[in-house]
């Protein structure tokens, strides 16, 4: 039986751990081939401090090893500036990666997240999943991202509606340890990206399926 190939798409490094870190660890234990596509990155040309740029690259390397990805793809588009990039160019780059991997399932950021980069990434990725061009893609799920998903305007079209839950009880402690690697992203207690809030959300999602910790996703396509 062929292994499942799973592609995790991050608009920014850290989305993947916060949104589906436990699920990634569980999929790896189950034997899936895991691939990580990072759309944006920081650079000195964009005004970021050299030490921060180097630190971020080191974090990415460490995270890729901790989550045991088979391969990492970095497109290095300017972070917070995806709206300045022609959408067609982004779609072309993403489709090239997808055609190389030929993933069976894709996890991508939520379409209505408040961050413009997230909205654009979803739009571009979803454009690369038409079954008559990418017949190997059998499942697409959106993941929630603290400080982005819940901050969307309170309009019905922005609601994240989880309909798929993954028990990550056995993997949550490891997820939290991995999240600590992103020193610049983890916030103080009571803020959206604090370790305590990450745990609170996992407990809440777990309560939906009667387990200690879970991650929630919105399944938007599945072919069986």
Protein backbone atom coordinates (compact mmCIF):
# COMPACT_ATOMS: atom_id res chain seq x y z
CA UNK A 1 0.00 0.00 0.00
CA UNK A 2 1.39 3.41 -0.99
CA UNK A 3 2.15 5.91 1.74
CA UNK A 4 -0.05 8.97 2.02
CA UNK A 5 1.70 12.12 0.85
CA UNK A 6 0.74 15.16 2.90
CA UNK A 7 1.57 18.76 2.02
CA UNK A 8 1.48 21.38 4.78
CA UNK A 9 1.30 24.95 3.45
CA UNK A 10 2.37 27.86 5.67
CA UNK A 11 1.94 31.48 4.70
CA UNK A 12 4.61 32.19 7.32
CA UNK A 13 6.86 29.89 9.36
CA UNK A 14 5.00 29.13 12.63
CA UNK A 15 1.55 28.74 11.05
CA UNK A 16 2.15 24.99 10.71
CA UNK A 17 3.03 24.34 14.37
CA UNK A 18 0.27 26.51 15.79
CA UNK A 19 -2.39 25.26 13.39
CA UNK A 20 -1.58 21.59 12.96
CA UNK A 21 1.64 20.68 14.76
CA UNK A 22 0.07 17.81 16.66
CA UNK A 23 -1.57 16.42 13.54
CA UNK A 24 1.74 16.57 11.66
CA UNK A 25 3.41 14.53 14.40
CA UNK A 26 0.56 12.03 14.39
CA UNK A 27 0.63 11.67 10.60
CA UNK A 28 4.36 11.02 10.71
CA UNK A 29 3.89 8.28 13.30
CA UNK A 30 1.24 6.75 11.05
CA UNK A 31 3.74 6.59 8.19
CA UNK A 32 2.79 9.55 6.01
CA UNK A 33 5.33 11.31 3.82
CA UNK A 34 5.34 14.94 4.96
CA UNK A 35 6.23 18.00 2.91
CA UNK A 36 6.33 21.63 4.04
CA UNK A 37 5.77 24.56 1.70
CA UNK A 38 6.61 27.98 3.18
CA UNK A 39 5.35 30.81 1.01
CA UNK A 40 6.98 33.91 2.55
CA UNK A 41 10.15 34.78 4.39
CA UNK A 42 11.90 37.74 6.00
CA UNK A 43 15.00 39.41 4.55
CA UNK A 44 17.34 42.31 5.18
CA UNK A 45 16.14 43.88 1.93
CA UNK A 46 12.71 44.20 3.50
CA UNK A 47 14.14 45.99 6.53
CA UNK A 48 14.52 43.07 8.92
CA UNK A 49 17.50 42.99 11.24
CA UNK A 50 20.28 40.67 10.04
CA UNK A 51 20.35 38.75 13.32
CA UNK A 52 16.59 38.18 13.14
CA UNK A 53 16.83 36.95 9.55
CA UNK A 54 19.55 34.47 10.51
CA UNK A 55 17.61 33.42 13.60
CA UNK A 56 14.47 32.80 11.54
CA UNK A 57 16.34 30.59 9.07
CA UNK A 58 17.77 28.61 11.98
CA UNK A 59 14.28 28.21 13.45
CA UNK A 60 13.00 26.85 10.14
CA UNK A 61 15.82 24.31 10.00
CA UNK A 62 15.18 23.19 13.57
CA UNK A 63 11.41 22.95 13.06
CA UNK A 64 11.80 20.92 9.86
CA UNK A 65 13.93 18.42 11.77
CA UNK A 66 11.63 18.29 14.80
CA UNK A 67 8.56 17.69 12.64
CA UNK A 68 10.56 15.27 10.47
CA UNK A 69 9.50 16.63 7.09
CA UNK A 70 10.69 14.65 4.09
CA UNK A 71 11.41 17.90 2.26
CA UNK A 72 10.94 21.63 2.79
CA UNK A 73 10.14 24.08 -0.01
CA UNK A 74 10.69 27.81 0.50
CA UNK A 75 9.34 30.28 -2.06
CA UNK A 76 10.78 33.27 -0.16
CA UNK A 77 8.14 35.79 -1.21
CA UNK A 78 8.23 38.98 0.90
CA UNK A 79 6.30 38.51 4.12
CA UNK A 80 3.29 40.84 4.59
CA UNK A 81 3.61 41.86 0.93
CA UNK A 82 1.96 39.05 -1.02
CA UNK A 83 -0.61 41.53 -2.27
CA UNK A 84 2.17 43.11 -4.35
CA UNK A 85 2.88 39.84 -6.16
CA UNK A 86 0.88 38.90 -9.29
CA UNK A 87 -1.42 36.05 -8.24
CA UNK A 88 -0.61 34.16 -11.42
CA UNK A 89 3.08 34.08 -10.52
CA UNK A 90 2.29 32.67 -7.09
CA UNK A 91 -0.03 30.04 -8.53
CA UNK A 92 2.63 28.98 -11.03
CA UNK A 93 5.25 28.49 -8.29
CA UNK A 94 2.86 26.61 -6.00
CA UNK A 95 1.56 24.37 -8.78
CA UNK A 96 5.14 23.45 -9.66
CA UNK A 97 5.73 22.25 -6.09
CA UNK A 98 2.43 20.37 -5.99
CA UNK A 99 3.18 18.63 -9.28
CA UNK A 100 6.58 17.57 -7.96
CA UNK A 101 5.21 16.15 -4.70
CA UNK A 102 1.85 14.88 -5.99
CA UNK A 103 0.28 15.04 -2.51
CA UNK A 104 -2.85 13.12 -1.60
CA UNK A 105 -3.89 15.67 1.01
CA UNK A 106 -3.18 19.34 1.60
CA UNK A 107 -3.43 21.35 4.81
CA UNK A 108 -3.61 25.10 4.16
CA UNK A 109 -4.30 28.28 6.11
CA UNK A 110 -7.90 29.39 6.52
CA UNK A 111 -9.39 31.40 3.65
CA UNK A 112 -10.88 34.10 5.89
CA UNK A 113 -7.94 34.74 8.23
CA UNK A 114 -7.45 38.42 8.91
CA UNK A 115 -3.88 38.42 7.53
CA UNK A 116 -3.83 39.33 3.84
CA UNK A 117 -0.99 36.87 3.20
CA UNK A 118 -3.18 34.03 4.49
CA UNK A 119 -6.11 34.97 2.25
CA UNK A 120 -3.86 35.08 -0.81
CA UNK A 121 -2.10 31.82 0.02
CA UNK A 122 -5.41 30.00 0.34
CA UNK A 123 -6.65 31.43 -2.95
CA UNK A 124 -3.46 30.45 -4.77
CA UNK A 125 -3.28 26.95 -3.27
CA UNK A 126 -6.93 26.20 -3.94
CA UNK A 127 -6.43 27.22 -7.56
CA UNK A 128 -3.85 24.42 -7.75
CA UNK A 129 -6.23 21.63 -6.73
CA UNK A 130 -8.64 21.25 -9.66
CA UNK A 131 -9.08 17.50 -10.06
CA UNK A 132 -8.78 17.54 -13.85
CA UNK A 133 -5.28 19.00 -13.48
CA UNK A 134 -4.23 17.63 -10.10
CA UNK A 135 -6.09 14.28 -9.87
CA UNK A 136 -3.86 13.01 -7.07
CA UNK A 137 -5.20 15.58 -4.56
CA UNK A 138 -7.95 13.74 -2.67
CA UNK A 139 -8.41 15.90 0.41
CA UNK A 140 -8.06 19.59 1.31
CA UNK A 141 -8.36 20.94 4.85
CA UNK A 142 -8.04 24.44 6.25
CA UNK A 143 -6.42 24.89 9.65
CA UNK A 144 -7.00 27.65 12.17
CA UNK A 145 -4.20 29.94 13.28
CA UNK A 146 -4.34 31.81 16.57
CA UNK A 147 -4.21 35.62 16.15
CA UNK A 148 -5.39 35.31 12.54
CA UNK A 149 -8.51 33.15 12.32
CA UNK A 150 -10.37 34.53 15.33
CA UNK A 151 -9.57 38.16 14.45
CA UNK A 152 -11.51 38.19 11.18
CA UNK A 153 -14.50 40.56 11.07
CA UNK A 154 -17.60 39.05 12.68
CA UNK A 155 -19.37 38.33 9.40
CA UNK A 156 -20.95 35.04 8.39
CA UNK A 157 -18.64 34.62 5.40
CA UNK A 158 -15.61 34.70 7.70
CA UNK A 159 -16.69 31.95 10.09
CA UNK A 160 -14.28 29.04 10.49
CA UNK A 161 -16.51 25.97 10.79
CA UNK A 162 -14.52 22.97 12.03
CA UNK A 163 -15.89 19.65 10.85
CA UNK A 164 -12.81 17.46 11.23
CA UNK A 165 -11.10 16.86 14.56
CA UNK A 166 -7.82 15.08 15.24
CA UNK A 167 -7.01 13.68 18.69
CA UNK A 168 -3.49 14.95 19.47
CA UNK A 169 -3.46 14.06 23.16
CA UNK A 170 -0.36 11.89 22.76
CA UNK A 171 1.41 14.59 20.75
CA UNK A 172 0.41 17.83 22.45
CA UNK A 173 3.37 18.15 24.82
CA UNK A 174 5.72 17.68 21.88
CA UNK A 175 3.80 20.27 19.87
CA UNK A 176 4.19 22.78 22.69
CA UNK A 177 7.93 22.13 22.92
CA UNK A 178 8.30 22.64 19.18
CA UNK A 179 6.27 25.86 19.32
CA UNK A 180 8.77 27.27 21.82
CA UNK A 181 11.38 27.21 19.05
CA UNK A 182 9.67 30.24 17.53
CA UNK A 183 10.92 32.58 20.23
CA UNK A 184 9.87 35.73 18.36
CA UNK A 185 6.31 34.49 17.82
CA UNK A 186 5.29 33.02 21.18
CA UNK A 187 3.49 35.66 23.25
CA UNK A 188 2.98 36.29 26.95
CA UNK A 189 0.10 34.68 28.82
CA UNK A 190 -3.44 35.74 27.91
CA UNK A 191 -2.36 36.84 24.42
CA UNK A 192 -3.40 34.86 21.30
CA UNK A 193 -0.13 33.05 20.65
CA UNK A 194 0.84 32.31 24.24
CA UNK A 195 1.51 28.72 25.25
CA UNK A 196 -1.45 28.90 27.61
CA UNK A 197 -3.78 29.98 24.81
CA UNK A 198 -2.48 27.25 22.51
CA UNK A 199 -3.30 24.75 25.26
CA UNK A 200 -6.71 26.30 25.92
CA UNK A 201 -7.71 25.99 22.26
CA UNK A 202 -6.48 22.39 22.11
CA UNK A 203 -8.51 21.55 25.23
CA UNK A 204 -11.60 23.23 23.79
CA UNK A 205 -11.28 21.39 20.47
CA UNK A 206 -10.65 18.18 22.38
CA UNK A 207 -13.89 18.60 24.31
CA UNK A 208 -15.78 18.36 21.02
CA UNK A 209 -14.69 14.76 20.58
CA UNK A 210 -14.21 13.77 24.22
CA UNK A 211 -10.42 13.79 24.39
CA UNK A 212 -7.89 15.91 26.28
CA UNK A 213 -6.38 17.72 23.28
CA UNK A 214 -7.39 18.04 19.64
CA UNK A 215 -6.82 20.17 16.56
CA UNK A 216 -9.72 21.26 14.40
CA UNK A 217 -9.95 21.63 10.64
CA UNK A 218 -12.49 22.63 8.06
CA UNK A 219 -12.66 19.95 5.39
CA UNK A 220 -13.46 21.66 2.10
CA UNK A 221 -12.89 18.80 -0.34
CA UNK A 222 -12.60 15.04 -0.13
CA UNK A 223 -12.68 12.38 -2.82
CA UNK A 224 -13.19 8.83 -1.66
